[in-house]
Amino acid sequence: MALTEIDHVSENQEMQECIDSCLECVQACEWCADECADDGEEMAECLRLCRDVADLASMHARFMARDSGYRTDIAAITADACEACADECEQHDAEHCQVCAEVLRECAETCRNMASA
């Protein structure tokens, strides 16, 4: 069975977009956190927030995939964390932070849509 055949996901384009956005967010945050780890103490908050968001976004994608009743609660928390992390990343000129902030904003938007669904 292909993943595209999971009924509750394939029938809900908004959910599929959110899952995709969350998985992209995980990648961007892990990259940013790894780069920040080499940049010293001034990047500590960025690193921490990116790691938090990577974990939350991964969990949110898993909750949506299994159609958990908690997915809307996780969506709201993930959106809040994405916005806080994007605010932090935008303060830094590094390419990884700027790319991460852009991906985070998109993820926050799709998660907000899921939270209100």
PDB file of N, CA and C in Angstrom:
ATOM      1  N   MET A   1       0.847  -1.182   0.000  1.00  0.00           N
ATOM      2  CA  MET A   1       0.000   0.000   0.000  1.00  0.00           C
ATOM      3  C   MET A   1       0.886   1.237   0.000  1.00  0.00           C
ATOM      4  N   ALA A   2       0.671   2.110  -0.922  1.00  0.00           N
ATOM      5  CA  ALA A   2       1.438   3.353  -1.003  1.00  0.00           C
ATOM      6  C   ALA A   2       0.938   4.335   0.049  1.00  0.00           C
ATOM      7  N   LEU A   3       1.838   5.190   0.504  1.00  0.00           N
ATOM      8  CA  LEU A   3       1.444   6.186   1.501  1.00  0.00           C
ATOM      9  C   LEU A   3       0.336   7.094   0.997  1.00  0.00           C
ATOM     10  N   THR A   4       0.267   7.288  -0.305  1.00  0.00           N
ATOM     11  CA  THR A   4      -0.789   8.136  -0.860  1.00  0.00           C
ATOM     12  C   THR A   4      -2.157   7.491  -0.736  1.00  0.00           C
ATOM     13  N   GLU A   5      -2.191   6.231  -0.309  1.00  0.00           N
ATOM     14  CA  GLU A   5      -3.463   5.533  -0.173  1.00  0.00           C
ATOM     15  C   GLU A   5      -4.005   5.560   1.254  1.00  0.00           C
ATOM     16  N   ILE A   6      -3.345   6.269   2.158  1.00  0.00           N
ATOM     17  CA  ILE A   6      -3.862   6.410   3.512  1.00  0.00           C
ATOM     18  C   ILE A   6      -5.066   7.343   3.434  1.00  0.00           C
ATOM     19  N   ASP A   7      -6.247   6.783   3.652  1.00  0.00           N
ATOM     20  CA  ASP A   7      -7.499   7.500   3.393  1.00  0.00           C
ATOM     21  C   ASP A   7      -7.578   8.872   4.045  1.00  0.00           C
ATOM     22  N   HIS A   8      -7.340   8.953   5.341  1.00  0.00           N
ATOM     23  CA  HIS A   8      -7.547  10.227   6.025  1.00  0.00           C
ATOM     24  C   HIS A   8      -6.544  11.291   5.583  1.00  0.00           C
ATOM     25  N   VAL A   9      -5.424  10.883   5.006  1.00  0.00           N
ATOM     26  CA  VAL A   9      -4.451  11.855   4.492  1.00  0.00           C
ATOM     27  C   VAL A   9      -4.730  12.169   3.033  1.00  0.00           C
ATOM     28  N   SER A  10      -4.927  11.135   2.217  1.00  0.00           N
ATOM     29  CA  SER A  10      -5.127  11.362   0.786  1.00  0.00           C
ATOM     30  C   SER A  10      -6.404  12.141   0.494  1.00  0.00           C
ATOM     31  N   GLU A  11      -7.383  12.054   1.391  1.00  0.00           N
ATOM     32  CA  GLU A  11      -8.640  12.777   1.204  1.00  0.00           C
ATOM     33  C   GLU A  11      -8.591  14.190   1.775  1.00  0.00           C
ATOM     34  N   ASN A  12      -7.495  14.548   2.404  1.00  0.00           N
ATOM     35  CA  ASN A  12      -7.391  15.845   3.062  1.00  0.00           C
ATOM     36  C   ASN A  12      -6.111  16.535   2.593  1.00  0.00           C
ATOM     37  N   GLN A  13      -6.225  17.343   1.548  1.00  0.00           N
ATOM     38  CA  GLN A  13      -5.066  18.028   0.972  1.00  0.00           C
ATOM     39  C   GLN A  13      -4.380  18.928   1.994  1.00  0.00           C
ATOM     40  N   GLU A  14      -5.157  19.557   2.857  1.00  0.00           N
ATOM     41  CA  GLU A  14      -4.600  20.438   3.886  1.00  0.00           C
ATOM     42  C   GLU A  14      -3.700  19.640   4.848  1.00  0.00           C
ATOM     43  N   MET A  15      -4.128  18.436   5.211  1.00  0.00           N
ATOM     44  CA  MET A  15      -3.320  17.605   6.100  1.00  0.00           C
ATOM     45  C   MET A  15      -2.039  17.169   5.402  1.00  0.00           C
ATOM     46  N   GLN A  16      -2.146  16.771   4.144  1.00  0.00           N
ATOM     47  CA  GLN A  16      -0.952  16.346   3.405  1.00  0.00           C
ATOM     48  C   GLN A  16       0.047  17.489   3.292  1.00  0.00           C
ATOM     49  N   GLU A  17      -0.436  18.690   3.020  1.00  0.00           N
ATOM     50  CA  GLU A  17       0.453  19.854   2.941  1.00  0.00           C
ATOM     51  C   GLU A  17       1.127  20.110   4.280  1.00  0.00           C
ATOM     52  N   CYS A  18       0.393  19.935   5.365  1.00  0.00           N
ATOM     53  CA  CYS A  18       0.956  20.163   6.689  1.00  0.00           C
ATOM     54  C   CYS A  18       2.013  19.102   7.010  1.00  0.00           C
ATOM     55  N   ILE A  19       1.735  17.849   6.686  1.00  0.00           N
ATOM     56  CA  ILE A  19       2.734  16.797   6.907  1.00  0.00           C
ATOM     57  C   ILE A  19       3.996  17.117   6.131  1.00  0.00           C
ATOM     58  N   ASP A  20       3.851  17.466   4.864  1.00  0.00           N
ATOM     59  CA  ASP A  20       5.016  17.800   4.033  1.00  0.00           C
ATOM     60  C   ASP A  20       5.773  18.995   4.608  1.00  0.00           C
ATOM     61  N   SER A  21       5.027  19.999   5.046  1.00  0.00           N
ATOM     62  CA  SER A  21       5.640  21.196   5.610  1.00  0.00           C
ATOM     63  C   SER A  21       6.390  20.871   6.901  1.00  0.00           C
ATOM     64  N   CYS A  22       5.795  20.035   7.730  1.00  0.00           N
ATOM     65  CA  CYS A  22       6.450  19.643   8.989  1.00  0.00           C
ATOM     66  C   CYS A  22       7.744  18.873   8.718  1.00  0.00           C
ATOM     67  N   LEU A  23       7.720  17.986   7.754  1.00  0.00           N
ATOM     68  CA  LEU A  23       8.924  17.208   7.448  1.00  0.00           C
ATOM     69  C   LEU A  23      10.022  18.097   6.858  1.00  0.00           C
ATOM     70  N   GLU A  24       9.642  19.074   6.046  1.00  0.00           N
ATOM     71  CA  GLU A  24      10.619  20.037   5.532  1.00  0.00           C
ATOM     72  C   GLU A  24      11.176  20.878   6.681  1.00  0.00           C
ATOM     73  N   CYS A  25      10.320  21.231   7.606  1.00  0.00           N
ATOM     74  CA  CYS A  25      10.720  22.007   8.772  1.00  0.00           C
ATOM     75  C   CYS A  25      11.746  21.237   9.612  1.00  0.00           C
ATOM     76  N   VAL A  26      11.514  19.953   9.803  1.00  0.00           N
ATOM     77  CA  VAL A  26      12.460  19.122  10.553  1.00  0.00           C
ATOM     78  C   VAL A  26      13.838  19.199   9.906  1.00  0.00           C
ATOM     79  N   GLN A  27      13.886  19.060   8.602  1.00  0.00           N
ATOM     80  CA  GLN A  27      15.168  19.094   7.887  1.00  0.00           C
ATOM     81  C   GLN A  27      15.857  20.444   8.048  1.00  0.00           C
ATOM     82  N   ALA A  28      15.105  21.517   7.864  1.00  0.00           N
ATOM     83  CA  ALA A  28      15.692  22.854   7.966  1.00  0.00           C
ATOM     84  C   ALA A  28      16.186  23.134   9.385  1.00  0.00           C
ATOM     85  N   CYS A  29      15.407  22.742  10.373  1.00  0.00           N
ATOM     86  CA  CYS A  29      15.792  22.993  11.765  1.00  0.00           C
ATOM     87  C   CYS A  29      16.997  22.164  12.179  1.00  0.00           C
ATOM     88  N   GLU A  30      17.063  20.930  11.737  1.00  0.00           N
ATOM     89  CA  GLU A  30      18.224  20.101  12.068  1.00  0.00           C
ATOM     90  C   GLU A  30      19.490  20.676  11.428  1.00  0.00           C
ATOM     91  N   TRP A  31      19.379  21.151  10.187  1.00  0.00           N
ATOM     92  CA  TRP A  31      20.518  21.768   9.504  1.00  0.00           C
ATOM     93  C   TRP A  31      20.940  23.032  10.239  1.00  0.00           C
ATOM     94  N   CYS A  32      19.978  23.879  10.561  1.00  0.00           N
ATOM     95  CA  CYS A  32      20.275  25.135  11.239  1.00  0.00           C
ATOM     96  C   CYS A  32      20.906  24.871  12.613  1.00  0.00           C
ATOM     97  N   ALA A  33      20.332  23.952  13.368  1.00  0.00           N
ATOM     98  CA  ALA A  33      20.876  23.637  14.701  1.00  0.00           C
ATOM     99  C   ALA A  33      22.305  23.132  14.596  1.00  0.00           C
ATOM    100  N   ASP A  34      22.558  22.286  13.615  1.00  0.00           N
ATOM    101  CA  ASP A  34      23.910  21.758  13.432  1.00  0.00           C
ATOM    102  C   ASP A  34      24.897  22.866  13.103  1.00  0.00           C
ATOM    103  N   GLU A  35      24.494  23.781  12.241  1.00  0.00           N
ATOM    104  CA  GLU A  35      25.361  24.910  11.885  1.00  0.00           C
ATOM    105  C   GLU A  35      25.561  25.834  13.080  1.00  0.00           C
ATOM    106  N   CYS A  36      24.505  26.065  13.840  1.00  0.00           N
ATOM    107  CA  CYS A  36      24.601  26.938  15.011  1.00  0.00           C
ATOM    108  C   CYS A  36      25.516  26.354  16.078  1.00  0.00           C
ATOM    109  N   ALA A  37      25.585  25.043  16.147  1.00  0.00           N
ATOM    110  CA  ALA A  37      26.438  24.390  17.154  1.00  0.00           C
ATOM    111  C   ALA A  37      27.899  24.780  16.973  1.00  0.00           C
ATOM    112  N   ASP A  38      28.289  25.112  15.757  1.00  0.00           N
ATOM    113  CA  ASP A  38      29.668  25.504  15.471  1.00  0.00           C
ATOM    114  C   ASP A  38      29.917  26.995  15.690  1.00  0.00           C
ATOM    115  N   ASP A  39      28.859  27.756  15.966  1.00  0.00           N
ATOM    116  CA  ASP A  39      28.978  29.209  16.019  1.00  0.00           C
ATOM    117  C   ASP A  39      29.050  29.788  17.432  1.00  0.00           C
ATOM    118  N   GLY A  40      29.170  28.959  18.427  1.00  0.00           N
ATOM    119  CA  GLY A  40      29.392  29.455  19.774  1.00  0.00           C
ATOM    120  C   GLY A  40      28.137  29.807  20.537  1.00  0.00           C
ATOM    121  N   GLU A  41      28.355  30.401  21.698  1.00  0.00           N
ATOM    122  CA  GLU A  41      27.293  30.693  22.660  1.00  0.00           C
ATOM    123  C   GLU A  41      26.240  31.673  22.128  1.00  0.00           C
ATOM    124  N   GLU A  42      26.639  32.590  21.236  1.00  0.00           N
ATOM    125  CA  GLU A  42      25.666  33.568  20.740  1.00  0.00           C
ATOM    126  C   GLU A  42      24.551  32.924  19.910  1.00  0.00           C
ATOM    127  N   MET A  43      24.743  31.673  19.498  1.00  0.00           N
ATOM    128  CA  MET A  43      23.723  30.969  18.712  1.00  0.00           C
ATOM    129  C   MET A  43      22.999  29.899  19.535  1.00  0.00           C
ATOM    130  N   ALA A  44      23.237  29.886  20.843  1.00  0.00           N
ATOM    131  CA  ALA A  44      22.675  28.839  21.700  1.00  0.00           C
ATOM    132  C   ALA A  44      21.148  28.819  21.674  1.00  0.00           C
ATOM    133  N   GLU A  45      20.515  29.989  21.726  1.00  0.00           N
ATOM    134  CA  GLU A  45      19.048  30.039  21.733  1.00  0.00           C
ATOM    135  C   GLU A  45      18.483  29.553  20.404  1.00  0.00           C
ATOM    136  N   CYS A  46      19.118  29.928  19.313  1.00  0.00           N
ATOM    137  CA  CYS A  46      18.687  29.471  17.990  1.00  0.00           C
ATOM    138  C   CYS A  46      18.780  27.948  17.916  1.00  0.00           C
ATOM    139  N   LEU A  47      19.878  27.409  18.381  1.00  0.00           N
ATOM    140  CA  LEU A  47      20.078  25.968  18.377  1.00  0.00           C
ATOM    141  C   LEU A  47      19.005  25.265  19.198  1.00  0.00           C
ATOM    142  N   ARG A  48      18.735  25.766  20.399  1.00  0.00           N
ATOM    143  CA  ARG A  48      17.727  25.152  21.272  1.00  0.00           C
ATOM    144  C   ARG A  48      16.330  25.175  20.634  1.00  0.00           C
ATOM    145  N   LEU A  49      15.958  26.336  20.117  1.00  0.00           N
ATOM    146  CA  LEU A  49      14.633  26.451  19.507  1.00  0.00           C
ATOM    147  C   LEU A  49      14.499  25.558  18.281  1.00  0.00           C
ATOM    148  N   CYS A  50      15.548  25.502  17.467  1.00  0.00           N
ATOM    149  CA  CYS A  50      15.501  24.639  16.275  1.00  0.00           C
ATOM    150  C   CYS A  50      15.334  23.177  16.666  1.00  0.00           C
ATOM    151  N   ARG A  51      16.024  22.754  17.697  1.00  0.00           N
ATOM    152  CA  ARG A  51      15.890  21.365  18.149  1.00  0.00           C
ATOM    153  C   ARG A  51      14.484  21.102  18.681  1.00  0.00           C
ATOM    154  N   ASP A  52      13.931  22.049  19.434  1.00  0.00           N
ATOM    155  CA  ASP A  52      12.558  21.892  19.925  1.00  0.00           C
ATOM    156  C   ASP A  52      11.570  21.771  18.766  1.00  0.00           C
ATOM    157  N   VAL A  53      11.711  22.654  17.793  1.00  0.00           N
ATOM    158  CA  VAL A  53      10.784  22.637  16.659  1.00  0.00           C
ATOM    159  C   VAL A  53      10.941  21.361  15.846  1.00  0.00           C
ATOM    160  N   ALA A  54      12.158  20.919  15.631  1.00  0.00           N
ATOM    161  CA  ALA A  54      12.370  19.679  14.877  1.00  0.00           C
ATOM    162  C   ALA A  54      11.631  18.522  15.553  1.00  0.00           C
ATOM    163  N   ASP A  55      11.727  18.437  16.864  1.00  0.00           N
ATOM    164  CA  ASP A  55      11.034  17.368  17.586  1.00  0.00           C
ATOM    165  C   ASP A  55       9.517  17.528  17.507  1.00  0.00           C
ATOM    166  N   LEU A  56       9.024  18.748  17.711  1.00  0.00           N
ATOM    167  CA  LEU A  56       7.578  18.987  17.653  1.00  0.00           C
ATOM    168  C   LEU A  56       7.013  18.728  16.256  1.00  0.00           C
ATOM    169  N   ALA A  57       7.692  19.220  15.228  1.00  0.00           N
ATOM    170  CA  ALA A  57       7.194  19.043  13.857  1.00  0.00           C
ATOM    171  C   ALA A  57       7.190  17.571  13.462  1.00  0.00           C
ATOM    172  N   SER A  58       8.202  16.843  13.876  1.00  0.00           N
ATOM    173  CA  SER A  58       8.252  15.411  13.597  1.00  0.00           C
ATOM    174  C   SER A  58       7.090  14.696  14.297  1.00  0.00           C
ATOM    175  N   MET A  59       6.862  15.044  15.546  1.00  0.00           N
ATOM    176  CA  MET A  59       5.769  14.439  16.295  1.00  0.00           C
ATOM    177  C   MET A  59       4.419  14.804  15.670  1.00  0.00           C
ATOM    178  N   HIS A  60       4.272  16.050  15.269  1.00  0.00           N
ATOM    179  CA  HIS A  60       3.008  16.475  14.657  1.00  0.00           C
ATOM    180  C   HIS A  60       2.743  15.698  13.371  1.00  0.00           C
ATOM    181  N   ALA A  61       3.760  15.520  12.536  1.00  0.00           N
ATOM    182  CA  ALA A  61       3.591  14.749  11.296  1.00  0.00           C
ATOM    183  C   ALA A  61       3.159  13.315  11.617  1.00  0.00           C
ATOM    184  N   ARG A  62       3.754  12.725  12.647  1.00  0.00           N
ATOM    185  CA  ARG A  62       3.395  11.360  13.029  1.00  0.00           C
ATOM    186  C   ARG A  62       1.954  11.297  13.558  1.00  0.00           C
ATOM    187  N   PHE A  63       1.547  12.306  14.343  1.00  0.00           N
ATOM    188  CA  PHE A  63       0.181  12.325  14.876  1.00  0.00           C
ATOM    189  C   PHE A  63      -0.838  12.468  13.746  1.00  0.00           C
ATOM    190  N   MET A  64      -0.519  13.276  12.735  1.00  0.00           N
ATOM    191  CA  MET A  64      -1.433  13.414  11.600  1.00  0.00           C
ATOM    192  C   MET A  64      -1.508  12.111  10.818  1.00  0.00           C
ATOM    193  N   ALA A  65      -0.360  11.463  10.615  1.00  0.00           N
ATOM    194  CA  ALA A  65      -0.336  10.218   9.844  1.00  0.00           C
ATOM    195  C   ALA A  65      -1.188   9.137  10.489  1.00  0.00           C
ATOM    196  N   ARG A  66      -1.243   9.144  11.829  1.00  0.00           N
ATOM    197  CA  ARG A  66      -2.046   8.119  12.497  1.00  0.00           C
ATOM    198  C   ARG A  66      -3.432   8.639  12.884  1.00  0.00           C
ATOM    199  N   ASP A  67      -3.774   9.837  12.434  1.00  0.00           N
ATOM    200  CA  ASP A  67      -5.090  10.430  12.654  1.00  0.00           C
ATOM    201  C   ASP A  67      -5.416  10.538  14.142  1.00  0.00           C
ATOM    202  N   SER A  68      -4.427  10.934  14.906  1.00  0.00           N
ATOM    203  CA  SER A  68      -4.586  11.068  16.351  1.00  0.00           C
ATOM    204  C   SER A  68      -5.572  12.175  16.692  1.00  0.00           C
ATOM    205  N   GLY A  69      -6.326  11.955  17.728  1.00  0.00           N
ATOM    206  CA  GLY A  69      -7.251  12.968  18.218  1.00  0.00           C
ATOM    207  C   GLY A  69      -6.542  14.170  18.820  1.00  0.00           C
ATOM    208  N   TYR A  70      -5.245  14.035  19.080  1.00  0.00           N
ATOM    209  CA  TYR A  70      -4.462  15.131  19.649  1.00  0.00           C
ATOM    210  C   TYR A  70      -3.785  15.991  18.587  1.00  0.00           C
ATOM    211  N   ARG A  71      -3.990  15.680  17.328  1.00  0.00           N
ATOM    212  CA  ARG A  71      -3.249  16.371  16.260  1.00  0.00           C
ATOM    213  C   ARG A  71      -3.526  17.869  16.218  1.00  0.00           C
ATOM    214  N   THR A  72      -4.744  18.315  16.531  1.00  0.00           N
ATOM    215  CA  THR A  72      -5.004  19.756  16.488  1.00  0.00           C
ATOM    216  C   THR A  72      -4.317  20.479  17.648  1.00  0.00           C
ATOM    217  N   ASP A  73      -4.240  19.825  18.806  1.00  0.00           N
ATOM    218  CA  ASP A  73      -3.514  20.415  19.938  1.00  0.00           C
ATOM    219  C   ASP A  73      -2.025  20.533  19.610  1.00  0.00           C
ATOM    220  N   ILE A  74      -1.483  19.482  19.044  1.00  0.00           N
ATOM    221  CA  ILE A  74      -0.059  19.482  18.665  1.00  0.00           C
ATOM    222  C   ILE A  74       0.182  20.515  17.562  1.00  0.00           C
ATOM    223  N   ALA A  75      -0.786  20.682  16.667  1.00  0.00           N
ATOM    224  CA  ALA A  75      -0.662  21.662  15.585  1.00  0.00           C
ATOM    225  C   ALA A  75      -0.473  23.069  16.145  1.00  0.00           C
ATOM    226  N   ALA A  76      -1.278  23.429  17.138  1.00  0.00           N
ATOM    227  CA  ALA A  76      -1.194  24.772  17.729  1.00  0.00           C
ATOM    228  C   ALA A  76       0.141  24.988  18.428  1.00  0.00           C
ATOM    229  N   ILE A  77       0.595  23.997  19.166  1.00  0.00           N
ATOM    230  CA  ILE A  77       1.879  24.102  19.861  1.00  0.00           C
ATOM    231  C   ILE A  77       3.023  24.193  18.852  1.00  0.00           C
ATOM    232  N   THR A  78       2.950  23.388  17.813  1.00  0.00           N
ATOM    233  CA  THR A  78       3.990  23.410  16.782  1.00  0.00           C
ATOM    234  C   THR A  78       4.022  24.768  16.087  1.00  0.00           C
ATOM    235  N   ALA A  79       2.863  25.315  15.791  1.00  0.00           N
ATOM    236  CA  ALA A  79       2.805  26.640  15.148  1.00  0.00           C
ATOM    237  C   ALA A  79       3.440  27.702  16.037  1.00  0.00           C
ATOM    238  N   ASP A  80       3.121  27.681  17.329  1.00  0.00           N
ATOM    239  CA  ASP A  80       3.712  28.648  18.266  1.00  0.00           C
ATOM    240  C   ASP A  80       5.232  28.519  18.296  1.00  0.00           C
ATOM    241  N   ALA A  81       5.713  27.288  18.372  1.00  0.00           N
ATOM    242  CA  ALA A  81       7.161  27.053  18.421  1.00  0.00           C
ATOM    243  C   ALA A  81       7.824  27.484  17.120  1.00  0.00           C
ATOM    244  N   CYS A  82       7.192  27.208  15.996  1.00  0.00           N
ATOM    245  CA  CYS A  82       7.738  27.633  14.695  1.00  0.00           C
ATOM    246  C   CYS A  82       7.880  29.150  14.635  1.00  0.00           C
ATOM    247  N   GLU A  83       6.867  29.853  15.104  1.00  0.00           N
ATOM    248  CA  GLU A  83       6.909  31.317  15.075  1.00  0.00           C
ATOM    249  C   GLU A  83       8.006  31.865  15.981  1.00  0.00           C
ATOM    250  N   ALA A  84       8.150  31.295  17.170  1.00  0.00           N
ATOM    251  CA  ALA A  84       9.205  31.741  18.087  1.00  0.00           C
ATOM    252  C   ALA A  84      10.583  31.467  17.499  1.00  0.00           C
ATOM    253  N   CYS A  85      10.742  30.323  16.895  1.00  0.00           N
ATOM    254  CA  CYS A  85      12.030  29.965  16.306  1.00  0.00           C
ATOM    255  C   CYS A  85      12.327  30.842  15.084  1.00  0.00           C
ATOM    256  N   ALA A  86      11.319  31.104  14.272  1.00  0.00           N
ATOM    257  CA  ALA A  86      11.511  31.975  13.108  1.00  0.00           C
ATOM    258  C   ALA A  86      11.931  33.367  13.548  1.00  0.00           C
ATOM    259  N   ASP A  87      11.310  33.875  14.611  1.00  0.00           N
ATOM    260  CA  ASP A  87      11.699  35.186  15.141  1.00  0.00           C
ATOM    261  C   ASP A  87      13.175  35.198  15.519  1.00  0.00           C
ATOM    262  N   GLU A  88      13.635  34.121  16.150  1.00  0.00           N
ATOM    263  CA  GLU A  88      15.041  34.018  16.543  1.00  0.00           C
ATOM    264  C   GLU A  88      15.943  33.904  15.312  1.00  0.00           C
ATOM    265  N   CYS A  89      15.596  33.009  14.407  1.00  0.00           N
ATOM    266  CA  CYS A  89      16.434  32.800  13.215  1.00  0.00           C
ATOM    267  C   CYS A  89      16.571  34.076  12.382  1.00  0.00           C
ATOM    268  N   GLU A  90      15.488  34.840  12.292  1.00  0.00           N
ATOM    269  CA  GLU A  90      15.515  36.059  11.491  1.00  0.00           C
ATOM    270  C   GLU A  90      16.479  37.108  12.032  1.00  0.00           C
ATOM    271  N   GLN A  91      16.890  36.980  13.275  1.00  0.00           N
ATOM    272  CA  GLN A  91      17.836  37.921  13.871  1.00  0.00           C
ATOM    273  C   GLN A  91      19.276  37.676  13.416  1.00  0.00           C
ATOM    274  N   HIS A  92      19.513  36.555  12.747  1.00  0.00           N
ATOM    275  CA  HIS A  92      20.873  36.183  12.359  1.00  0.00           C
ATOM    276  C   HIS A  92      21.018  36.235  10.842  1.00  0.00           C
ATOM    277  N   ASP A  93      22.181  36.664  10.396  1.00  0.00           N
ATOM    278  CA  ASP A  93      22.434  36.824   8.964  1.00  0.00           C
ATOM    279  C   ASP A  93      22.828  35.533   8.262  1.00  0.00           C
ATOM    280  N   ALA A  94      23.155  34.499   9.004  1.00  0.00           N
ATOM    281  CA  ALA A  94      23.621  33.247   8.401  1.00  0.00           C
ATOM    282  C   ALA A  94      22.569  32.689   7.448  1.00  0.00           C
ATOM    283  N   GLU A  95      23.036  32.148   6.334  1.00  0.00           N
ATOM    284  CA  GLU A  95      22.121  31.590   5.334  1.00  0.00           C
ATOM    285  C   GLU A  95      21.224  30.515   5.940  1.00  0.00           C
ATOM    286  N   HIS A  96      21.796  29.638   6.753  1.00  0.00           N
ATOM    287  CA  HIS A  96      20.996  28.553   7.330  1.00  0.00           C
ATOM    288  C   HIS A  96      19.877  29.112   8.201  1.00  0.00           C
ATOM    289  N   CYS A  97      20.115  30.198   8.907  1.00  0.00           N
ATOM    290  CA  CYS A  97      19.072  30.812   9.734  1.00  0.00           C
ATOM    291  C   CYS A  97      17.990  31.450   8.866  1.00  0.00           C
ATOM    292  N   GLN A  98      18.382  32.110   7.801  1.00  0.00           N
ATOM    293  CA  GLN A  98      17.408  32.756   6.934  1.00  0.00           C
ATOM    294  C   GLN A  98      16.535  31.732   6.207  1.00  0.00           C
ATOM    295  N   VAL A  99      17.152  30.661   5.725  1.00  0.00           N
ATOM    296  CA  VAL A  99      16.387  29.593   5.075  1.00  0.00           C
ATOM    297  C   VAL A  99      15.453  28.941   6.075  1.00  0.00           C
ATOM    298  N   CYS A 100      15.976  28.663   7.252  1.00  0.00           N
ATOM    299  CA  CYS A 100      15.176  28.031   8.297  1.00  0.00           C
ATOM    300  C   CYS A 100      13.971  28.906   8.657  1.00  0.00           C
ATOM    301  N   ALA A 101      14.186  30.198   8.817  1.00  0.00           N
ATOM    302  CA  ALA A 101      13.093  31.106   9.168  1.00  0.00           C
ATOM    303  C   ALA A 101      11.982  31.061   8.120  1.00  0.00           C
ATOM    304  N   GLU A 102      12.356  31.024   6.862  1.00  0.00           N
ATOM    305  CA  GLU A 102      11.365  30.971   5.785  1.00  0.00           C
ATOM    306  C   GLU A 102      10.551  29.680   5.857  1.00  0.00           C
ATOM    307  N   VAL A 103      11.231  28.561   6.051  1.00  0.00           N
ATOM    308  CA  VAL A 103      10.547  27.270   6.156  1.00  0.00           C
ATOM    309  C   VAL A 103       9.663  27.242   7.405  1.00  0.00           C
ATOM    310  N   LEU A 104      10.157  27.810   8.496  1.00  0.00           N
ATOM    311  CA  LEU A 104       9.385  27.858   9.740  1.00  0.00           C
ATOM    312  C   LEU A 104       8.093  28.650   9.578  1.00  0.00           C
ATOM    313  N   ARG A 105       8.151  29.770   8.882  1.00  0.00           N
ATOM    314  CA  ARG A 105       6.938  30.582   8.672  1.00  0.00           C
ATOM    315  C   ARG A 105       5.891  29.789   7.895  1.00  0.00           C
ATOM    316  N   GLU A 106       6.336  29.072   6.877  1.00  0.00           N
ATOM    317  CA  GLU A 106       5.406  28.264   6.088  1.00  0.00           C
ATOM    318  C   GLU A 106       4.806  27.147   6.936  1.00  0.00           C
ATOM    319  N   CYS A 107       5.636  26.509   7.739  1.00  0.00           N
ATOM    320  CA  CYS A 107       5.157  25.432   8.604  1.00  0.00           C
ATOM    321  C   CYS A 107       4.164  25.973   9.633  1.00  0.00           C
ATOM    322  N   ALA A 108       4.467  27.119  10.215  1.00  0.00           N
ATOM    323  CA  ALA A 108       3.551  27.722  11.189  1.00  0.00           C
ATOM    324  C   ALA A 108       2.182  27.956  10.557  1.00  0.00           C
ATOM    325  N   GLU A 109       2.171  28.416   9.321  1.00  0.00           N
ATOM    326  CA  GLU A 109       0.904  28.684   8.644  1.00  0.00           C
ATOM    327  C   GLU A 109       0.105  27.399   8.419  1.00  0.00           C
ATOM    328  N   THR A 110       0.765  26.349   7.940  1.00  0.00           N
ATOM    329  CA  THR A 110       0.028  25.100   7.701  1.00  0.00           C
ATOM    330  C   THR A 110      -0.439  24.485   9.015  1.00  0.00           C
ATOM    331  N   CYS A 111       0.369  24.624  10.060  1.00  0.00           N
ATOM    332  CA  CYS A 111      -0.036  24.093  11.370  1.00  0.00           C
ATOM    333  C   CYS A 111      -1.208  24.885  11.938  1.00  0.00           C
ATOM    334  N   ARG A 112      -1.211  26.191  11.760  1.00  0.00           N
ATOM    335  CA  ARG A 112      -2.357  27.011  12.218  1.00  0.00           C
ATOM    336  C   ARG A 112      -3.631  26.574  11.500  1.00  0.00           C
ATOM    337  N   ASN A 113      -3.504  26.292  10.195  1.00  0.00           N
ATOM    338  CA  ASN A 113      -4.663  25.820   9.447  1.00  0.00           C
ATOM    339  C   ASN A 113      -5.181  24.494  10.010  1.00  0.00           C
ATOM    340  N   MET A 114      -4.264  23.609  10.377  1.00  0.00           N
ATOM    341  CA  MET A 114      -4.666  22.317  10.948  1.00  0.00           C
ATOM    342  C   MET A 114      -5.265  22.502  12.346  1.00  0.00           C
ATOM    343  N   ALA A 115      -4.734  23.425  13.107  1.00  0.00           N
ATOM    344  CA  ALA A 115      -5.231  23.658  14.457  1.00  0.00           C
ATOM    345  C   ALA A 115      -6.669  24.173  14.448  1.00  0.00           C
ATOM    346  N   SER A 116      -7.019  24.906  13.400  1.00  0.00           N
ATOM    347  CA  SER A 116      -8.368  25.479  13.322  1.00  0.00           C
ATOM    348  C   SER A 116      -9.329  24.593  12.530  1.00  0.00           C
ATOM    349  N   ALA A 117      -8.822  23.478  12.030  1.00  0.00           N
ATOM    350  CA  ALA A 117      -9.684  22.577  11.216  1.00  0.00           C
ATOM    351  C   ALA A 117     -10.629  21.772  12.079  1.00  0.00           C
TER     352      ALA A 117
END
